[in-house]
PDB file of N, CA and C in Angstrom:
ATOM      1  N   ALA A   1      -7.499   6.086  12.022  1.00  0.00           N
ATOM      2  CA  ALA A   1      -7.760   7.233  11.173  1.00  0.00           C
ATOM      3  C   ALA A   1      -6.664   7.326  10.070  1.00  0.00           C
ATOM      4  N   VAL A   2      -7.082   7.808   8.923  1.00  0.00           N
ATOM      5  CA  VAL A   2      -6.205   7.979   7.784  1.00  0.00           C
ATOM      6  C   VAL A   2      -5.794   9.395   7.672  1.00  0.00           C
ATOM      7  N   GLY A   3      -4.479   9.656   7.542  1.00  0.00           N
ATOM      8  CA  GLY A   3      -3.974  11.047   7.521  1.00  0.00           C
ATOM      9  C   GLY A   3      -4.271  11.747   6.211  1.00  0.00           C
ATOM     10  N   ASP A   4      -4.285  11.045   5.087  1.00  0.00           N
ATOM     11  CA  ASP A   4      -4.464  11.639   3.763  1.00  0.00           C
ATOM     12  C   ASP A   4      -5.488  10.770   3.027  1.00  0.00           C
ATOM     13  N   GLY A   5      -6.724  11.248   2.994  1.00  0.00           N
ATOM     14  CA  GLY A   5      -7.781  10.438   2.355  1.00  0.00           C
ATOM     15  C   GLY A   5      -7.575  10.183   0.900  1.00  0.00           C
ATOM     16  N   ALA A   6      -7.088  11.174   0.136  1.00  0.00           N
ATOM     17  CA  ALA A   6      -6.884  11.015  -1.285  1.00  0.00           C
ATOM     18  C   ALA A   6      -5.817   9.952  -1.555  1.00  0.00           C
ATOM     19  N   PHE A   7      -4.729  10.017  -0.801  1.00  0.00           N
ATOM     20  CA  PHE A   7      -3.702   8.969  -0.959  1.00  0.00           C
ATOM     21  C   PHE A   7      -4.209   7.597  -0.591  1.00  0.00           C
ATOM     22  N   PHE A   8      -4.963   7.519   0.480  1.00  0.00           N
ATOM     23  CA  PHE A   8      -5.516   6.241   0.955  1.00  0.00           C
ATOM     24  C   PHE A   8      -6.380   5.618  -0.129  1.00  0.00           C
ATOM     25  N   LEU A   9      -7.239   6.364  -0.745  1.00  0.00           N
ATOM     26  CA  LEU A   9      -8.083   5.805  -1.804  1.00  0.00           C
ATOM     27  C   LEU A   9      -7.274   5.381  -3.012  1.00  0.00           C
ATOM     28  N   ARG A  10      -6.283   6.181  -3.423  1.00  0.00           N
ATOM     29  CA  ARG A  10      -5.398   5.813  -4.511  1.00  0.00           C
ATOM     30  C   ARG A  10      -4.644   4.538  -4.217  1.00  0.00           C
ATOM     31  N   PHE A  11      -4.150   4.452  -3.001  1.00  0.00           N
ATOM     32  CA  PHE A  11      -3.336   3.303  -2.574  1.00  0.00           C
ATOM     33  C   PHE A  11      -4.190   2.012  -2.569  1.00  0.00           C
ATOM     34  N   VAL A  12      -5.364   2.060  -2.000  1.00  0.00           N
ATOM     35  CA  VAL A  12      -6.253   0.898  -1.889  1.00  0.00           C
ATOM     36  C   VAL A  12      -6.672   0.464  -3.289  1.00  0.00           C
ATOM     37  N   LYS A  13      -7.105   1.434  -4.133  1.00  0.00           N
ATOM     38  CA  LYS A  13      -7.457   1.099  -5.470  1.00  0.00           C
ATOM     39  C   LYS A  13      -6.298   0.423  -6.241  1.00  0.00           C
ATOM     40  N   ALA A  14      -5.121   0.936  -6.064  1.00  0.00           N
ATOM     41  CA  ALA A  14      -3.912   0.396  -6.706  1.00  0.00           C
ATOM     42  C   ALA A  14      -3.733  -1.092  -6.217  1.00  0.00           C
ATOM     43  N   LEU A  15      -3.797  -1.341  -4.939  1.00  0.00           N
ATOM     44  CA  LEU A  15      -3.595  -2.689  -4.423  1.00  0.00           C
ATOM     45  C   LEU A  15      -4.679  -3.635  -4.928  1.00  0.00           C
ATOM     46  N   PHE A  16      -5.899  -3.151  -5.080  1.00  0.00           N
ATOM     47  CA  PHE A  16      -6.960  -4.023  -5.525  1.00  0.00           C
ATOM     48  C   PHE A  16      -6.832  -4.383  -6.966  1.00  0.00           C
ATOM     49  N   THR A  17      -6.025  -3.666  -7.785  1.00  0.00           N
ATOM     50  CA  THR A  17      -5.765  -4.069  -9.129  1.00  0.00           C
ATOM     51  C   THR A  17      -4.895  -5.333  -9.151  1.00  0.00           C
ATOM     52  N   GLN A  18      -4.279  -5.688  -8.005  1.00  0.00           N
ATOM     53  CA  GLN A  18      -3.420  -6.835  -7.822  1.00  0.00           C
ATOM     54  C   GLN A  18      -3.920  -7.671  -6.707  1.00  0.00           C
ATOM     55  N   ARG A  19      -5.214  -7.815  -6.452  1.00  0.00           N
ATOM     56  CA  ARG A  19      -5.748  -8.421  -5.264  1.00  0.00           C
ATOM     57  C   ARG A  19      -5.401  -9.850  -5.093  1.00  0.00           C
ATOM     58  N   ARG A  20      -5.036 -10.557  -6.179  1.00  0.00           N
ATOM     59  CA  ARG A  20      -4.653 -11.995  -6.013  1.00  0.00           C
ATOM     60  C   ARG A  20      -3.144 -12.144  -5.843  1.00  0.00           C
ATOM     61  N   LYS A  21      -2.375 -11.084  -5.944  1.00  0.00           N
ATOM     62  CA  LYS A  21      -0.963 -11.104  -5.644  1.00  0.00           C
ATOM     63  C   LYS A  21      -0.722 -10.910  -4.170  1.00  0.00           C
ATOM     64  N   THR A  22       0.507 -11.136  -3.709  1.00  0.00           N
ATOM     65  CA  THR A  22       0.778 -10.812  -2.326  1.00  0.00           C
ATOM     66  C   THR A  22       0.870  -9.312  -2.185  1.00  0.00           C
ATOM     67  N   VAL A  23       0.648  -8.824  -0.956  1.00  0.00           N
ATOM     68  CA  VAL A  23       0.777  -7.378  -0.716  1.00  0.00           C
ATOM     69  C   VAL A  23       2.174  -6.871  -1.114  1.00  0.00           C
ATOM     70  N   ARG A  24       3.173  -7.697  -0.875  1.00  0.00           N
ATOM     71  CA  ARG A  24       4.554  -7.282  -1.228  1.00  0.00           C
ATOM     72  C   ARG A  24       4.654  -6.947  -2.693  1.00  0.00           C
ATOM     73  N   ASN A  25       4.140  -7.872  -3.557  1.00  0.00           N
ATOM     74  CA  ASN A  25       4.223  -7.655  -4.976  1.00  0.00           C
ATOM     75  C   ASN A  25       3.252  -6.560  -5.472  1.00  0.00           C
ATOM     76  N   ALA A  26       2.117  -6.489  -4.814  1.00  0.00           N
ATOM     77  CA  ALA A  26       1.130  -5.459  -5.181  1.00  0.00           C
ATOM     78  C   ALA A  26       1.725  -4.037  -4.919  1.00  0.00           C
ATOM     79  N   VAL A  27       2.383  -3.863  -3.802  1.00  0.00           N
ATOM     80  CA  VAL A  27       3.007  -2.545  -3.534  1.00  0.00           C
ATOM     81  C   VAL A  27       4.043  -2.188  -4.571  1.00  0.00           C
ATOM     82  N   ARG A  28       4.866  -3.211  -4.910  1.00  0.00           N
ATOM     83  CA  ARG A  28       5.949  -3.007  -5.887  1.00  0.00           C
ATOM     84  C   ARG A  28       5.346  -2.731  -7.266  1.00  0.00           C
ATOM     85  N   ASN A  29       4.320  -3.466  -7.677  1.00  0.00           N
ATOM     86  CA  ASN A  29       3.859  -3.430  -9.009  1.00  0.00           C
ATOM     87  C   ASN A  29       2.899  -2.240  -9.325  1.00  0.00           C
ATOM     88  N   THR A  30       2.435  -1.562  -8.275  1.00  0.00           N
ATOM     89  CA  THR A  30       1.407  -0.538  -8.508  1.00  0.00           C
ATOM     90  C   THR A  30       1.926   0.878  -8.095  1.00  0.00           C
ATOM     91  N   ALA A  31       3.174   1.042  -7.916  1.00  0.00           N
ATOM     92  CA  ALA A  31       3.694   2.373  -7.524  1.00  0.00           C
ATOM     93  C   ALA A  31       3.290   3.473  -8.504  1.00  0.00           C
ATOM     94  N   HIS A  32       3.199   3.106  -9.769  1.00  0.00           N
ATOM     95  CA  HIS A  32       2.803   4.101 -10.763  1.00  0.00           C
ATOM     96  C   HIS A  32       1.377   4.561 -10.576  1.00  0.00           C
ATOM     97  N   ILE A  33       0.539   3.692  -9.999  1.00  0.00           N
ATOM     98  CA  ILE A  33      -0.834   4.019  -9.764  1.00  0.00           C
ATOM     99  C   ILE A  33      -1.019   4.734  -8.410  1.00  0.00           C
ATOM    100  N   SER A  34      -0.400   4.232  -7.386  1.00  0.00           N
ATOM    101  CA  SER A  34      -0.571   4.795  -6.073  1.00  0.00           C
ATOM    102  C   SER A  34       0.264   6.098  -5.854  1.00  0.00           C
ATOM    103  N   GLY A  35       1.235   6.255  -6.690  1.00  0.00           N
ATOM    104  CA  GLY A  35       2.087   7.485  -6.571  1.00  0.00           C
ATOM    105  C   GLY A  35       3.259   7.359  -5.629  1.00  0.00           C
ATOM    106  N   LEU A  36       3.612   6.127  -5.276  1.00  0.00           N
ATOM    107  CA  LEU A  36       4.771   5.885  -4.390  1.00  0.00           C
ATOM    108  C   LEU A  36       6.046   6.113  -5.150  1.00  0.00           C
ATOM    109  N   ASP A  37       6.914   6.917  -4.645  1.00  0.00           N
ATOM    110  CA  ASP A  37       8.251   7.061  -5.263  1.00  0.00           C
ATOM    111  C   ASP A  37       9.215   5.998  -4.814  1.00  0.00           C
ATOM    112  N   ASP A  38       8.970   5.405  -3.642  1.00  0.00           N
ATOM    113  CA  ASP A  38       9.869   4.398  -3.107  1.00  0.00           C
ATOM    114  C   ASP A  38       9.122   3.229  -2.495  1.00  0.00           C
ATOM    115  N   PRO A  39       8.576   2.348  -3.401  1.00  0.00           N
ATOM    116  CA  PRO A  39       7.816   1.187  -2.898  1.00  0.00           C
ATOM    117  C   PRO A  39       8.696   0.222  -2.098  1.00  0.00           C
ATOM    118  N   GLU A  40       9.973   0.159  -2.400  1.00  0.00           N
ATOM    119  CA  GLU A  40      10.844  -0.777  -1.670  1.00  0.00           C
ATOM    120  C   GLU A  40      10.968  -0.386  -0.210  1.00  0.00           C
ATOM    121  N   ALA A  41      10.947   0.930   0.073  1.00  0.00           N
ATOM    122  CA  ALA A  41      10.994   1.375   1.491  1.00  0.00           C
ATOM    123  C   ALA A  41       9.737   0.944   2.219  1.00  0.00           C
ATOM    124  N   VAL A  42       8.619   0.908   1.545  1.00  0.00           N
ATOM    125  CA  VAL A  42       7.315   0.452   2.160  1.00  0.00           C
ATOM    126  C   VAL A  42       7.491  -1.029   2.450  1.00  0.00           C
ATOM    127  N   VAL A  43       7.952  -1.810   1.485  1.00  0.00           N
ATOM    128  CA  VAL A  43       8.113  -3.258   1.699  1.00  0.00           C
ATOM    129  C   VAL A  43       9.093  -3.489   2.839  1.00  0.00           C
ATOM    130  N   ASP A  44      10.167  -2.771   2.902  1.00  0.00           N
ATOM    131  CA  ASP A  44      11.153  -2.942   3.966  1.00  0.00           C
ATOM    132  C   ASP A  44      10.580  -2.632   5.358  1.00  0.00           C
ATOM    133  N   ALA A  45       9.644  -1.654   5.414  1.00  0.00           N
ATOM    134  CA  ALA A  45       9.114  -1.228   6.701  1.00  0.00           C
ATOM    135  C   ALA A  45       7.936  -2.057   7.170  1.00  0.00           C
ATOM    136  N   ALA A  46       7.273  -2.762   6.265  1.00  0.00           N
ATOM    137  CA  ALA A  46       6.013  -3.472   6.570  1.00  0.00           C
ATOM    138  C   ALA A  46       6.308  -4.836   7.289  1.00  0.00           C
ATOM    139  N   ASP A  47       5.323  -5.306   7.995  1.00  0.00           N
ATOM    140  CA  ASP A  47       5.394  -6.592   8.722  1.00  0.00           C
ATOM    141  C   ASP A  47       5.394  -7.702   7.724  1.00  0.00           C
ATOM    142  N   GLU A  48       6.249  -8.728   7.894  1.00  0.00           N
ATOM    143  CA  GLU A  48       6.368  -9.806   6.954  1.00  0.00           C
ATOM    144  C   GLU A  48       5.053 -10.568   6.763  1.00  0.00           C
ATOM    145  N   GLU A  49       4.271 -10.756   7.839  1.00  0.00           N
ATOM    146  CA  GLU A  49       2.993 -11.437   7.776  1.00  0.00           C
ATOM    147  C   GLU A  49       2.041 -10.715   6.855  1.00  0.00           C
ATOM    148  N   LEU A  50       1.969  -9.399   6.990  1.00  0.00           N
ATOM    149  CA  LEU A  50       1.158  -8.568   6.169  1.00  0.00           C
ATOM    150  C   LEU A  50       1.588  -8.665   4.650  1.00  0.00           C
ATOM    151  N   LEU A  51       2.903  -8.632   4.441  1.00  0.00           N
ATOM    152  CA  LEU A  51       3.394  -8.692   3.083  1.00  0.00           C
ATOM    153  C   LEU A  51       3.081  -9.978   2.399  1.00  0.00           C
ATOM    154  N   ARG A  52       2.934 -11.124   3.158  1.00  0.00           N
ATOM    155  CA  ARG A  52       2.607 -12.432   2.578  1.00  0.00           C
ATOM    156  C   ARG A  52       1.083 -12.558   2.328  1.00  0.00           C
ATOM    157  N   SER A  53       0.289 -11.669   2.895  1.00  0.00           N
ATOM    158  CA  SER A  53      -1.163 -11.778   2.663  1.00  0.00           C
ATOM    159  C   SER A  53      -1.520 -11.193   1.310  1.00  0.00           C
ATOM    160  N   ARG A  54      -2.799 -11.322   0.960  1.00  0.00           N
ATOM    161  CA  ARG A  54      -3.258 -10.813  -0.340  1.00  0.00           C
ATOM    162  C   ARG A  54      -4.292  -9.667  -0.055  1.00  0.00           C
ATOM    163  N   PRO A  55      -4.230  -8.616  -0.907  1.00  0.00           N
ATOM    164  CA  PRO A  55      -5.082  -7.500  -0.690  1.00  0.00           C
ATOM    165  C   PRO A  55      -6.543  -7.834  -0.519  1.00  0.00           C
ATOM    166  N   GLY A  56      -7.026  -8.840  -1.260  1.00  0.00           N
ATOM    167  CA  GLY A  56      -8.422  -9.234  -1.150  1.00  0.00           C
ATOM    168  C   GLY A  56      -8.841  -9.806   0.155  1.00  0.00           C
ATOM    169  N   THR A  57      -7.871 -10.137   0.980  1.00  0.00           N
ATOM    170  CA  THR A  57      -8.177 -10.777   2.318  1.00  0.00           C
ATOM    171  C   THR A  57      -7.978  -9.826   3.526  1.00  0.00           C
ATOM    172  N   LEU A  58      -7.500  -8.601   3.279  1.00  0.00           N
ATOM    173  CA  LEU A  58      -7.199  -7.710   4.362  1.00  0.00           C
ATOM    174  C   LEU A  58      -8.415  -7.024   4.933  1.00  0.00           C
ATOM    175  N   GLU A  59      -8.370  -6.811   6.249  1.00  0.00           N
ATOM    176  CA  GLU A  59      -9.414  -6.036   6.924  1.00  0.00           C
ATOM    177  C   GLU A  59      -9.198  -4.520   6.621  1.00  0.00           C
ATOM    178  N   PRO A  60     -10.241  -3.738   6.687  1.00  0.00           N
ATOM    179  CA  PRO A  60     -10.068  -2.292   6.441  1.00  0.00           C
ATOM    180  C   PRO A  60      -8.993  -1.612   7.345  1.00  0.00           C
ATOM    181  N   ALA A  61      -8.905  -2.064   8.574  1.00  0.00           N
ATOM    182  CA  ALA A  61      -7.881  -1.477   9.477  1.00  0.00           C
ATOM    183  C   ALA A  61      -6.472  -1.785   8.989  1.00  0.00           C
ATOM    184  N   ALA A  62      -6.273  -2.929   8.366  1.00  0.00           N
ATOM    185  CA  ALA A  62      -4.973  -3.283   7.841  1.00  0.00           C
ATOM    186  C   ALA A  62      -4.619  -2.362   6.672  1.00  0.00           C
ATOM    187  N   PHE A  63      -5.597  -2.069   5.819  1.00  0.00           N
ATOM    188  CA  PHE A  63      -5.352  -1.150   4.735  1.00  0.00           C
ATOM    189  C   PHE A  63      -4.985   0.242   5.256  1.00  0.00           C
ATOM    190  N   ALA A  64      -5.676   0.695   6.301  1.00  0.00           N
ATOM    191  CA  ALA A  64      -5.407   2.007   6.886  1.00  0.00           C
ATOM    192  C   ALA A  64      -4.018   2.030   7.415  1.00  0.00           C
ATOM    193  N   ALA A  65      -3.578   1.027   8.133  1.00  0.00           N
ATOM    194  CA  ALA A  65      -2.273   0.970   8.694  1.00  0.00           C
ATOM    195  C   ALA A  65      -1.184   0.888   7.623  1.00  0.00           C
ATOM    196  N   LEU A  66      -1.448   0.112   6.585  1.00  0.00           N
ATOM    197  CA  LEU A  66      -0.500  -0.022   5.469  1.00  0.00           C
ATOM    198  C   LEU A  66      -0.382   1.277   4.697  1.00  0.00           C
ATOM    199  N   ALA A  67      -1.494   1.953   4.504  1.00  0.00           N
ATOM    200  CA  ALA A  67      -1.462   3.228   3.751  1.00  0.00           C
ATOM    201  C   ALA A  67      -0.703   4.299   4.540  1.00  0.00           C
ATOM    202  N   GLU A  68      -0.844   4.318   5.909  1.00  0.00           N
ATOM    203  CA  GLU A  68      -0.111   5.250   6.672  1.00  0.00           C
ATOM    204  C   GLU A  68       1.425   4.922   6.609  1.00  0.00           C
ATOM    205  N   LEU A  69       1.703   3.660   6.670  1.00  0.00           N
ATOM    206  CA  LEU A  69       3.113   3.230   6.553  1.00  0.00           C
ATOM    207  C   LEU A  69       3.679   3.634   5.200  1.00  0.00           C
ATOM    208  N   ALA A  70       2.915   3.480   4.155  1.00  0.00           N
ATOM    209  CA  ALA A  70       3.340   3.822   2.791  1.00  0.00           C
ATOM    210  C   ALA A  70       3.522   5.334   2.714  1.00  0.00           C
ATOM    211  N   ARG A  71       2.617   6.085   3.319  1.00  0.00           N
ATOM    212  CA  ARG A  71       2.722   7.525   3.282  1.00  0.00           C
ATOM    213  C   ARG A  71       3.978   7.992   3.998  1.00  0.00           C
ATOM    214  N   GLU A  72       4.340   7.359   5.074  1.00  0.00           N
ATOM    215  CA  GLU A  72       5.508   7.703   5.873  1.00  0.00           C
ATOM    216  C   GLU A  72       6.831   7.332   5.159  1.00  0.00           C
ATOM    217  N   HIS A  73       6.834   6.157   4.564  1.00  0.00           N
ATOM    218  CA  HIS A  73       8.081   5.566   4.002  1.00  0.00           C
ATOM    219  C   HIS A  73       8.237   5.589   2.545  1.00  0.00           C
ATOM    220  N   GLY A  74       7.138   5.712   1.801  1.00  0.00           N
ATOM    221  CA  GLY A  74       7.185   5.562   0.336  1.00  0.00           C
ATOM    222  C   GLY A  74       7.290   6.845  -0.466  1.00  0.00           C
ATOM    223  N   SER A  75       7.316   7.973   0.220  1.00  0.00           N
ATOM    224  CA  SER A  75       7.447   9.279  -0.446  1.00  0.00           C
ATOM    225  C   SER A  75       6.417   9.484  -1.558  1.00  0.00           C
ATOM    226  N   PRO A  76       5.118   9.342  -1.229  1.00  0.00           N
ATOM    227  CA  PRO A  76       4.105   9.481  -2.282  1.00  0.00           C
ATOM    228  C   PRO A  76       4.062  10.865  -2.905  1.00  0.00           C
ATOM    229  N   THR A  77       3.775  10.930  -4.205  1.00  0.00           N
ATOM    230  CA  THR A  77       3.613  12.173  -4.841  1.00  0.00           C
ATOM    231  C   THR A  77       2.172  12.575  -4.789  1.00  0.00           C
ATOM    232  N   GLU A  78       1.910  13.866  -4.894  1.00  0.00           N
ATOM    233  CA  GLU A  78       0.526  14.356  -4.919  1.00  0.00           C
ATOM    234  C   GLU A  78      -0.100  14.038  -6.235  1.00  0.00           C
ATOM    235  N   ALA A  79      -1.385  13.711  -6.177  1.00  0.00           N
ATOM    236  CA  ALA A  79      -2.102  13.361  -7.414  1.00  0.00           C
ATOM    237  C   ALA A  79      -2.599  14.617  -8.074  1.00  0.00           C
TER     238      ALA A  79
END
């Protein structure tokens, strides 16, 4: 389950603008879209295997888990 549906949608849309990049770079490059104030904290908290994957290859559950991690560690702003 996703705690904040609006943030989840913003976050997933942001990552898909970089779907051919690694998740690590997509999180860093799209903070202005997703609203993350601290994308580095998300990168530091995420699993290395997940960070090496590409957004276009992730399962929906992985997006949900990553969005929750981003919400907890990335200090997202309200849209």
